[in-house]
């Protein structure tokens, strides 16, 4: 009887495994991977498409900045700000954009946004714009 109990305990212990969690097991590999690298020709086509897209965005940027100039001259500050925001969405910046933005905020009496615009222009090293807007801000 002792032998049978001992044998049962040994078999039971033999079948016990260490506690394994899901992180201890490796992830099974997918033998049918669908990844196919791009060819050089495909990469050239993608790069050319991105260059064309960037050029189109740059043209729209300049169009929006020019339109904001027109509205600034007509003293339509809210319309000018709308075109300035559209120009910023294109991903490009220039001195004229920051100057127009500052002038629009100045004439709408939004001093906090004007100060923020001056700080942004300073980060972009547009010191001429910073000087012009700072003088106008201090003259209020």
C-alpha atoms as a PDB file:
ATOM      1  CA  UNK A   1       0.000   0.000   0.000  1.00  0.00           C
ATOM      2  CA  UNK A   2       2.837   2.349   0.841  1.00  0.00           C
ATOM      3  CA  UNK A   3       4.410   1.579  -2.514  1.00  0.00           C
ATOM      4  CA  UNK A   4       1.218   2.419  -4.378  1.00  0.00           C
ATOM      5  CA  UNK A   5       0.803   5.724  -2.519  1.00  0.00           C
ATOM      6  CA  UNK A   6       4.476   6.551  -3.070  1.00  0.00           C
ATOM      7  CA  UNK A   7       4.149   5.672  -6.754  1.00  0.00           C
ATOM      8  CA  UNK A   8       0.994   7.816  -7.084  1.00  0.00           C
ATOM      9  CA  UNK A   9       2.715  10.772  -5.413  1.00  0.00           C
ATOM     10  CA  UNK A  10       5.757  10.421  -7.685  1.00  0.00           C
ATOM     11  CA  UNK A  11       3.586  10.297 -10.795  1.00  0.00           C
ATOM     12  CA  UNK A  12       1.560  13.272  -9.575  1.00  0.00           C
ATOM     13  CA  UNK A  13       4.688  15.328  -8.869  1.00  0.00           C
ATOM     14  CA  UNK A  14       6.184  14.330 -12.193  1.00  0.00           C
ATOM     15  CA  UNK A  15       3.131  15.717 -14.014  1.00  0.00           C
ATOM     16  CA  UNK A  16       3.304  19.060 -12.208  1.00  0.00           C
ATOM     17  CA  UNK A  17       4.969  21.784 -14.211  1.00  0.00           C
ATOM     18  CA  UNK A  18       6.282  25.092 -12.995  1.00  0.00           C
ATOM     19  CA  UNK A  19       3.693  27.809 -13.142  1.00  0.00           C
ATOM     20  CA  UNK A  20       4.007  29.381 -16.573  1.00  0.00           C
ATOM     21  CA  UNK A  21       2.390  32.640 -17.552  1.00  0.00           C
ATOM     22  CA  UNK A  22       1.673  33.844 -21.051  1.00  0.00           C
ATOM     23  CA  UNK A  23       4.856  35.924 -21.191  1.00  0.00           C
ATOM     24  CA  UNK A  24       7.135  32.924 -20.648  1.00  0.00           C
ATOM     25  CA  UNK A  25       6.114  31.300 -23.906  1.00  0.00           C
ATOM     26  CA  UNK A  26       7.504  32.658 -27.171  1.00  0.00           C
ATOM     27  CA  UNK A  27       5.084  34.064 -29.694  1.00  0.00           C
ATOM     28  CA  UNK A  28       4.583  31.574 -32.486  1.00  0.00           C
ATOM     29  CA  UNK A  29       6.075  32.750 -35.750  1.00  0.00           C
ATOM     30  CA  UNK A  30       3.822  33.384 -38.693  1.00  0.00           C
ATOM     31  CA  UNK A  31       5.173  31.097 -41.405  1.00  0.00           C
ATOM     32  CA  UNK A  32       3.185  32.937 -44.076  1.00  0.00           C
ATOM     33  CA  UNK A  33       4.351  36.508 -43.629  1.00  0.00           C
ATOM     34  CA  UNK A  34       2.817  38.919 -46.126  1.00  0.00           C
ATOM     35  CA  UNK A  35       5.573  41.546 -45.852  1.00  0.00           C
ATOM     36  CA  UNK A  36       7.150  42.400 -49.185  1.00  0.00           C
ATOM     37  CA  UNK A  37       9.774  45.158 -49.301  1.00  0.00           C
ATOM     38  CA  UNK A  38       9.309  47.982 -51.785  1.00  0.00           C
ATOM     39  CA  UNK A  39      11.383  48.030 -54.924  1.00  0.00           C
ATOM     40  CA  UNK A  40      13.575  51.009 -55.774  1.00  0.00           C
ATOM     41  CA  UNK A  41      11.139  52.029 -58.499  1.00  0.00           C
ATOM     42  CA  UNK A  42       8.233  52.041 -56.052  1.00  0.00           C
ATOM     43  CA  UNK A  43      10.251  54.136 -53.585  1.00  0.00           C
ATOM     44  CA  UNK A  44      11.098  56.630 -56.360  1.00  0.00           C
ATOM     45  CA  UNK A  45       7.419  56.937 -57.288  1.00  0.00           C
ATOM     46  CA  UNK A  46       6.464  57.559 -53.649  1.00  0.00           C
ATOM     47  CA  UNK A  47       9.238  60.158 -53.246  1.00  0.00           C
ATOM     48  CA  UNK A  48       8.190  61.931 -56.450  1.00  0.00           C
ATOM     49  CA  UNK A  49       4.563  62.010 -55.291  1.00  0.00           C
ATOM     50  CA  UNK A  50       5.579  63.473 -51.944  1.00  0.00           C
ATOM     51  CA  UNK A  51       7.704  66.127 -53.661  1.00  0.00           C
ATOM     52  CA  UNK A  52       4.783  67.128 -55.893  1.00  0.00           C
ATOM     53  CA  UNK A  53       2.478  67.252 -52.874  1.00  0.00           C
ATOM     54  CA  UNK A  54       4.963  69.443 -50.984  1.00  0.00           C
ATOM     55  CA  UNK A  55       5.258  71.809 -53.945  1.00  0.00           C
ATOM     56  CA  UNK A  56       1.464  72.108 -54.160  1.00  0.00           C
ATOM     57  CA  UNK A  57       1.252  72.842 -50.422  1.00  0.00           C
ATOM     58  CA  UNK A  58       3.925  75.523 -50.816  1.00  0.00           C
ATOM     59  CA  UNK A  59       1.960  77.198 -53.639  1.00  0.00           C
ATOM     60  CA  UNK A  60      -1.194  77.176 -51.517  1.00  0.00           C
ATOM     61  CA  UNK A  61       0.811  78.594 -48.596  1.00  0.00           C
ATOM     62  CA  UNK A  62       1.969  81.560 -50.666  1.00  0.00           C
ATOM     63  CA  UNK A  63      -1.549  82.061 -52.026  1.00  0.00           C
ATOM     64  CA  UNK A  64      -2.945  82.173 -48.475  1.00  0.00           C
ATOM     65  CA  UNK A  65      -0.252  84.597 -47.287  1.00  0.00           C
ATOM     66  CA  UNK A  66      -0.948  86.874 -50.261  1.00  0.00           C
ATOM     67  CA  UNK A  67      -4.674  86.742 -49.542  1.00  0.00           C
ATOM     68  CA  UNK A  68      -4.026  87.630 -45.889  1.00  0.00           C
ATOM     69  CA  UNK A  69      -1.974  90.632 -47.108  1.00  0.00           C
ATOM     70  CA  UNK A  70      -4.964  91.814 -49.123  1.00  0.00           C
ATOM     71  CA  UNK A  71      -7.289  91.525 -46.126  1.00  0.00           C
ATOM     72  CA  UNK A  72      -4.769  93.309 -43.882  1.00  0.00           C
ATOM     73  CA  UNK A  73      -4.695  96.234 -46.337  1.00  0.00           C
ATOM     74  CA  UNK A  74      -8.514  96.256 -46.382  1.00  0.00           C
ATOM     75  CA  UNK A  75      -8.492  96.139 -42.543  1.00  0.00           C
ATOM     76  CA  UNK A  76     -10.544  92.937 -42.428  1.00  0.00           C
ATOM     77  CA  UNK A  77      -8.659  91.407 -39.512  1.00  0.00           C
ATOM     78  CA  UNK A  78     -10.793  88.286 -38.956  1.00  0.00           C
ATOM     79  CA  UNK A  79     -10.620  87.297 -42.626  1.00  0.00           C
ATOM     80  CA  UNK A  80      -6.862  87.842 -42.553  1.00  0.00           C
ATOM     81  CA  UNK A  81      -6.540  85.582 -39.503  1.00  0.00           C
ATOM     82  CA  UNK A  82      -8.573  82.893 -41.249  1.00  0.00           C
ATOM     83  CA  UNK A  83      -6.148  82.832 -44.179  1.00  0.00           C
ATOM     84  CA  UNK A  84      -3.172  82.957 -41.823  1.00  0.00           C
ATOM     85  CA  UNK A  85      -4.475  79.849 -40.043  1.00  0.00           C
ATOM     86  CA  UNK A  86      -4.926  78.112 -43.392  1.00  0.00           C
ATOM     87  CA  UNK A  87      -1.357  79.035 -44.329  1.00  0.00           C
ATOM     88  CA  UNK A  88      -0.026  77.634 -41.040  1.00  0.00           C
ATOM     89  CA  UNK A  89      -1.758  74.309 -41.750  1.00  0.00           C
ATOM     90  CA  UNK A  90       0.351  73.945 -44.904  1.00  0.00           C
ATOM     91  CA  UNK A  91       3.441  73.401 -42.736  1.00  0.00           C
ATOM     92  CA  UNK A  92       5.504  76.356 -43.932  1.00  0.00           C
ATOM     93  CA  UNK A  93       6.333  79.678 -42.258  1.00  0.00           C
ATOM     94  CA  UNK A  94       7.895  82.971 -43.283  1.00  0.00           C
ATOM     95  CA  UNK A  95       8.376  86.471 -41.899  1.00  0.00           C
ATOM     96  CA  UNK A  96       5.344  87.888 -43.692  1.00  0.00           C
ATOM     97  CA  UNK A  97       3.078  85.303 -42.086  1.00  0.00           C
ATOM     98  CA  UNK A  98       4.197  86.218 -38.565  1.00  0.00           C
ATOM     99  CA  UNK A  99       3.989  89.931 -39.296  1.00  0.00           C
ATOM    100  CA  UNK A 100       0.443  89.653 -40.679  1.00  0.00           C
ATOM    101  CA  UNK A 101      -0.600  87.524 -37.725  1.00  0.00           C
ATOM    102  CA  UNK A 102       0.825  90.056 -35.275  1.00  0.00           C
ATOM    103  CA  UNK A 103      -0.834  93.012 -37.007  1.00  0.00           C
ATOM    104  CA  UNK A 104      -4.209  91.249 -37.035  1.00  0.00           C
ATOM    105  CA  UNK A 105      -3.973  90.429 -33.319  1.00  0.00           C
ATOM    106  CA  UNK A 106      -2.825  93.976 -32.571  1.00  0.00           C
ATOM    107  CA  UNK A 107      -5.844  95.503 -34.292  1.00  0.00           C
ATOM    108  CA  UNK A 108      -8.229  93.020 -32.665  1.00  0.00           C
ATOM    109  CA  UNK A 109      -6.776  93.994 -29.227  1.00  0.00           C
ATOM    110  CA  UNK A 110      -5.630  90.440 -28.491  1.00  0.00           C
ATOM    111  CA  UNK A 111      -2.416  91.322 -26.686  1.00  0.00           C
ATOM    112  CA  UNK A 112      -1.787  87.866 -25.226  1.00  0.00           C
ATOM    113  CA  UNK A 113      -1.935  86.260 -28.677  1.00  0.00           C
ATOM    114  CA  UNK A 114       0.243  89.054 -30.049  1.00  0.00           C
ATOM    115  CA  UNK A 115       2.869  88.337 -27.387  1.00  0.00           C
ATOM    116  CA  UNK A 116       2.700  84.627 -28.231  1.00  0.00           C
ATOM    117  CA  UNK A 117       3.209  85.467 -31.912  1.00  0.00           C
ATOM    118  CA  UNK A 118       6.244  87.582 -31.009  1.00  0.00           C
ATOM    119  CA  UNK A 119       7.718  84.665 -29.024  1.00  0.00           C
ATOM    120  CA  UNK A 120       7.100  82.278 -31.942  1.00  0.00           C
ATOM    121  CA  UNK A 121       8.764  84.700 -34.377  1.00  0.00           C
ATOM    122  CA  UNK A 122      11.725  84.996 -32.027  1.00  0.00           C
ATOM    123  CA  UNK A 123      12.107  81.196 -31.964  1.00  0.00           C
ATOM    124  CA  UNK A 124      12.204  81.236 -35.770  1.00  0.00           C
ATOM    125  CA  UNK A 125      14.877  84.004 -35.686  1.00  0.00           C
ATOM    126  CA  UNK A 126      12.660  86.563 -37.443  1.00  0.00           C
ATOM    127  CA  UNK A 127      14.124  89.425 -35.410  1.00  0.00           C
ATOM    128  CA  UNK A 128      12.966  92.141 -37.802  1.00  0.00           C
ATOM    129  CA  UNK A 129       9.362  91.035 -37.284  1.00  0.00           C
ATOM    130  CA  UNK A 130       9.945  90.796 -33.530  1.00  0.00           C
ATOM    131  CA  UNK A 131      11.272  94.369 -33.442  1.00  0.00           C
ATOM    132  CA  UNK A 132       8.404  95.785 -35.519  1.00  0.00           C
ATOM    133  CA  UNK A 133       5.697  94.036 -33.504  1.00  0.00           C
ATOM    134  CA  UNK A 134       7.325  94.865 -30.166  1.00  0.00           C
ATOM    135  CA  UNK A 135       7.456  98.565 -31.052  1.00  0.00           C
ATOM    136  CA  UNK A 136       3.781  98.501 -32.048  1.00  0.00           C
ATOM    137  CA  UNK A 137       2.863  96.609 -28.864  1.00  0.00           C
ATOM    138  CA  UNK A 138       4.734  99.066 -26.643  1.00  0.00           C
ATOM    139  CA  UNK A 139       3.150 102.059 -28.379  1.00  0.00           C
ATOM    140  CA  UNK A 140      -0.320 101.021 -27.165  1.00  0.00           C
END
